[in-house]
Amino acid sequence: MSVLDTADTIRARYEGAAPQLDPEGFRLFRAAGEITGIRNLWEEFPYEDACGRFEEANGHELLRYLTAAHFGAVSWEVVPGTTYERAILREVDTSTEEYQAFARQLYAKALERMGLEKPTLKKEEGKKMSRGGDAR
């Protein structure tokens, strides 16, 4: 993998191998958790957890929630008759520089977890991402 590879190039490599090596997307989801530091979705989305939303979810579904939480693309709506708020996931702007750096790291780490490539990342891209997409 070259430092010149784009997020789309690395994503295409992942998508080519995923049907055999990560069909449920859990390697991708766990890689995202490592990058963002969000390890427990139930802490971010207590109502969805209480409703069992994550019980049968695959890694791709869980990744939607994790990505929305990381990039602040969540609105909240009070659930009538409860003390809970339900999450409304908004669209994450994938055209931003912060998202592109996250995606490049994400797919490179997933490929590494699949045993396919040891990525070479630019120094600033290898840093842990903070909430909102800023590299630390």
C-alpha atoms as a PDB file:
ATOM      1  CA  MET A   1       0.000   0.000   0.000  1.00  0.00           C
ATOM      2  CA  SER A   2       1.358   3.381  -0.954  1.00  0.00           C
ATOM      3  CA  VAL A   3       0.947   6.640   0.937  1.00  0.00           C
ATOM      4  CA  LEU A   4      -0.549   7.910  -2.314  1.00  0.00           C
ATOM      5  CA  ASP A   5      -3.463   5.458  -2.169  1.00  0.00           C
ATOM      6  CA  THR A   6      -6.776   7.231  -1.742  1.00  0.00           C
ATOM      7  CA  ALA A   7      -9.531   6.164   0.612  1.00  0.00           C
ATOM      8  CA  ASP A   8     -11.491   4.937  -2.430  1.00  0.00           C
ATOM      9  CA  THR A   9      -8.590   2.775  -3.620  1.00  0.00           C
ATOM     10  CA  ILE A  10      -8.129   1.184  -0.212  1.00  0.00           C
ATOM     11  CA  ARG A  11     -11.904   0.773   0.190  1.00  0.00           C
ATOM     12  CA  ALA A  12     -12.033  -1.048  -3.158  1.00  0.00           C
ATOM     13  CA  ARG A  13      -9.350  -3.472  -1.941  1.00  0.00           C
ATOM     14  CA  TYR A  14     -11.333  -4.101   1.222  1.00  0.00           C
ATOM     15  CA  GLU A  15     -14.599  -4.602  -0.691  1.00  0.00           C
ATOM     16  CA  GLY A  16     -12.889  -7.093  -3.007  1.00  0.00           C
ATOM     17  CA  ALA A  17     -11.700  -9.245  -0.114  1.00  0.00           C
ATOM     18  CA  ALA A  18     -14.562  -8.702   2.347  1.00  0.00           C
ATOM     19  CA  PRO A  19     -17.015 -11.291   0.956  1.00  0.00           C
ATOM     20  CA  GLN A  20     -14.568 -14.047   1.929  1.00  0.00           C
ATOM     21  CA  LEU A  21     -12.642 -12.504   4.837  1.00  0.00           C
ATOM     22  CA  ASP A  22     -15.088 -10.095   6.505  1.00  0.00           C
ATOM     23  CA  PRO A  23     -18.602 -10.926   5.268  1.00  0.00           C
ATOM     24  CA  GLU A  24     -20.369  -9.509   8.334  1.00  0.00           C
ATOM     25  CA  GLY A  25     -18.117  -6.424   8.560  1.00  0.00           C
ATOM     26  CA  PHE A  26     -16.983  -6.988  12.138  1.00  0.00           C
ATOM     27  CA  ARG A  27     -13.277  -6.508  11.314  1.00  0.00           C
ATOM     28  CA  LEU A  28     -14.166  -3.157   9.775  1.00  0.00           C
ATOM     29  CA  PHE A  29     -16.299  -2.192  12.785  1.00  0.00           C
ATOM     30  CA  ARG A  30     -13.583  -3.156  15.282  1.00  0.00           C
ATOM     31  CA  ALA A  31     -10.990  -1.210  13.286  1.00  0.00           C
ATOM     32  CA  ALA A  32     -13.246   1.859  13.478  1.00  0.00           C
ATOM     33  CA  GLY A  33     -13.566   1.394  17.230  1.00  0.00           C
ATOM     34  CA  GLU A  34      -9.778   1.361  17.575  1.00  0.00           C
ATOM     35  CA  ILE A  35      -9.378   4.494  15.479  1.00  0.00           C
ATOM     36  CA  THR A  36     -12.145   6.512  17.147  1.00  0.00           C
ATOM     37  CA  GLY A  37     -11.797   5.210  20.682  1.00  0.00           C
ATOM     38  CA  ILE A  38     -15.526   4.382  20.754  1.00  0.00           C
ATOM     39  CA  ARG A  39     -15.573   0.852  22.129  1.00  0.00           C
ATOM     40  CA  ASN A  40     -19.097   0.536  23.521  1.00  0.00           C
ATOM     41  CA  LEU A  41     -21.973   1.678  21.338  1.00  0.00           C
ATOM     42  CA  TRP A  42     -24.436   1.135  24.177  1.00  0.00           C
ATOM     43  CA  GLU A  43     -22.829   4.062  25.985  1.00  0.00           C
ATOM     44  CA  GLU A  44     -23.414   6.299  22.972  1.00  0.00           C
ATOM     45  CA  PHE A  45     -26.894   4.959  22.157  1.00  0.00           C
ATOM     46  CA  PRO A  46     -28.566   3.722  25.370  1.00  0.00           C
ATOM     47  CA  TYR A  47     -32.126   3.674  23.985  1.00  0.00           C
ATOM     48  CA  GLU A  48     -31.170   1.641  20.926  1.00  0.00           C
ATOM     49  CA  ASP A  49     -29.291  -0.743  23.191  1.00  0.00           C
ATOM     50  CA  ALA A  50     -32.265  -1.065  25.566  1.00  0.00           C
ATOM     51  CA  CYS A  51     -34.466  -1.920  22.567  1.00  0.00           C
ATOM     52  CA  GLY A  52     -32.018  -4.645  21.467  1.00  0.00           C
ATOM     53  CA  ARG A  53     -31.069  -2.812  18.269  1.00  0.00           C
ATOM     54  CA  PHE A  54     -27.457  -3.986  18.409  1.00  0.00           C
ATOM     55  CA  GLU A  55     -28.136  -7.625  19.357  1.00  0.00           C
ATOM     56  CA  GLU A  56     -28.556  -8.961  15.822  1.00  0.00           C
ATOM     57  CA  ALA A  57     -26.773  -6.173  13.956  1.00  0.00           C
ATOM     58  CA  ASN A  58     -23.824  -6.974  11.728  1.00  0.00           C
ATOM     59  CA  GLY A  59     -20.611  -4.953  11.657  1.00  0.00           C
ATOM     60  CA  HIS A  60     -21.792  -2.752   8.787  1.00  0.00           C
ATOM     61  CA  GLU A  61     -24.921  -1.693  10.687  1.00  0.00           C
ATOM     62  CA  LEU A  62     -22.898  -1.043  13.837  1.00  0.00           C
ATOM     63  CA  LEU A  63     -20.394   0.986  11.801  1.00  0.00           C
ATOM     64  CA  ARG A  64     -23.195   3.370  10.734  1.00  0.00           C
ATOM     65  CA  TYR A  65     -23.874   4.184  14.382  1.00  0.00           C
ATOM     66  CA  LEU A  66     -20.199   4.457  15.307  1.00  0.00           C
ATOM     67  CA  THR A  67     -19.398   6.731  12.360  1.00  0.00           C
ATOM     68  CA  ALA A  68     -22.394   8.968  13.065  1.00  0.00           C
ATOM     69  CA  ALA A  69     -21.367   9.275  16.726  1.00  0.00           C
ATOM     70  CA  HIS A  70     -17.748  10.024  15.848  1.00  0.00           C
ATOM     71  CA  PHE A  71     -18.579  12.729  13.301  1.00  0.00           C
ATOM     72  CA  GLY A  72     -21.452  14.254  15.292  1.00  0.00           C
ATOM     73  CA  ALA A  73     -24.098  13.243  12.751  1.00  0.00           C
ATOM     74  CA  VAL A  74     -26.755  12.294  15.312  1.00  0.00           C
ATOM     75  CA  SER A  75     -29.940  14.120  16.277  1.00  0.00           C
ATOM     76  CA  TRP A  76     -31.959  13.141  19.324  1.00  0.00           C
ATOM     77  CA  GLU A  77     -35.710  12.802  19.732  1.00  0.00           C
ATOM     78  CA  VAL A  78     -37.445  12.264  23.092  1.00  0.00           C
ATOM     79  CA  VAL A  79     -39.280   8.941  23.280  1.00  0.00           C
ATOM     80  CA  PRO A  80     -42.761   9.756  24.653  1.00  0.00           C
ATOM     81  CA  GLY A  81     -43.461   8.340  28.095  1.00  0.00           C
ATOM     82  CA  THR A  82     -39.807   7.533  28.836  1.00  0.00           C
ATOM     83  CA  THR A  83     -36.643   9.229  29.995  1.00  0.00           C
ATOM     84  CA  TYR A  84     -34.874   8.051  26.832  1.00  0.00           C
ATOM     85  CA  GLU A  85     -33.913   9.863  23.666  1.00  0.00           C
ATOM     86  CA  ARG A  86     -33.908   8.008  20.359  1.00  0.00           C
ATOM     87  CA  ALA A  87     -31.043   8.582  17.924  1.00  0.00           C
ATOM     88  CA  ILE A  88     -31.739   9.880  14.457  1.00  0.00           C
ATOM     89  CA  LEU A  89     -28.667   9.146  12.339  1.00  0.00           C
ATOM     90  CA  ARG A  90     -27.919  11.886   9.843  1.00  0.00           C
ATOM     91  CA  GLU A  91     -25.791  11.634   6.739  1.00  0.00           C
ATOM     92  CA  VAL A  92     -22.044  11.887   7.400  1.00  0.00           C
ATOM     93  CA  ASP A  93     -20.314  14.244   4.966  1.00  0.00           C
ATOM     94  CA  THR A  94     -17.868  11.856   3.320  1.00  0.00           C
ATOM     95  CA  SER A  95     -16.302  14.576   1.175  1.00  0.00           C
ATOM     96  CA  THR A  96     -14.481  16.284   4.052  1.00  0.00           C
ATOM     97  CA  GLU A  97     -10.754  15.939   4.540  1.00  0.00           C
ATOM     98  CA  GLU A  98     -11.342  14.592   8.067  1.00  0.00           C
ATOM     99  CA  TYR A  99     -13.642  11.836   6.827  1.00  0.00           C
ATOM    100  CA  GLN A 100     -11.273  10.901   3.994  1.00  0.00           C
ATOM    101  CA  ALA A 101      -8.387  10.549   6.485  1.00  0.00           C
ATOM    102  CA  PHE A 102     -10.635   8.427   8.732  1.00  0.00           C
ATOM    103  CA  ALA A 103     -11.763   6.226   5.819  1.00  0.00           C
ATOM    104  CA  ARG A 104      -8.209   5.705   4.618  1.00  0.00           C
ATOM    105  CA  GLN A 105      -7.130   4.645   8.103  1.00  0.00           C
ATOM    106  CA  LEU A 106     -10.246   2.512   8.558  1.00  0.00           C
ATOM    107  CA  TYR A 107      -9.921   0.444   5.390  1.00  0.00           C
ATOM    108  CA  ALA A 108      -6.140   0.125   5.760  1.00  0.00           C
ATOM    109  CA  LYS A 109      -6.561  -1.181   9.318  1.00  0.00           C
ATOM    110  CA  ALA A 110      -9.325  -3.565   8.201  1.00  0.00           C
ATOM    111  CA  LEU A 111      -7.080  -4.953   5.441  1.00  0.00           C
ATOM    112  CA  GLU A 112      -4.328  -5.428   8.001  1.00  0.00           C
ATOM    113  CA  ARG A 113      -6.769  -7.246  10.335  1.00  0.00           C
ATOM    114  CA  MET A 114      -7.685  -9.487   7.401  1.00  0.00           C
ATOM    115  CA  GLY A 115      -3.991 -10.323   7.000  1.00  0.00           C
ATOM    116  CA  LEU A 116      -3.721  -8.797   3.546  1.00  0.00           C
ATOM    117  CA  GLU A 117      -1.483  -5.764   3.879  1.00  0.00           C
ATOM    118  CA  LYS A 118       0.619  -3.948   6.404  1.00  0.00           C
ATOM    119  CA  PRO A 119      -0.325  -0.353   5.584  1.00  0.00           C
ATOM    120  CA  THR A 120       2.075   2.530   5.230  1.00  0.00           C
ATOM    121  CA  LEU A 121       0.304   5.654   6.428  1.00  0.00           C
ATOM    122  CA  LYS A 122       1.472   9.219   6.473  1.00  0.00           C
ATOM    123  CA  LYS A 123       2.599  10.143   9.977  1.00  0.00           C
ATOM    124  CA  GLU A 124      -0.387  12.421  10.687  1.00  0.00           C
ATOM    125  CA  GLU A 125      -2.884   9.809   9.441  1.00  0.00           C
ATOM    126  CA  GLY A 126      -1.575   7.199  11.858  1.00  0.00           C
ATOM    127  CA  LYS A 127      -2.604   9.280  14.860  1.00  0.00           C
ATOM    128  CA  LYS A 128      -5.730   8.379  16.785  1.00  0.00           C
ATOM    129  CA  MET A 129      -8.765  10.348  15.639  1.00  0.00           C
ATOM    130  CA  SER A 130     -10.671  12.433  18.165  1.00  0.00           C
ATOM    131  CA  ARG A 131     -14.390  13.060  18.053  1.00  0.00           C
ATOM    132  CA  GLY A 132     -15.316  15.366  15.249  1.00  0.00           C
ATOM    133  CA  GLY A 133     -12.662  13.846  13.014  1.00  0.00           C
ATOM    134  CA  ASP A 134      -9.638  15.796  14.224  1.00  0.00           C
ATOM    135  CA  ALA A 135      -6.344  13.912  14.411  1.00  0.00           C
ATOM    136  CA  ARG A 136      -4.648  14.089  17.793  1.00  0.00           C
END
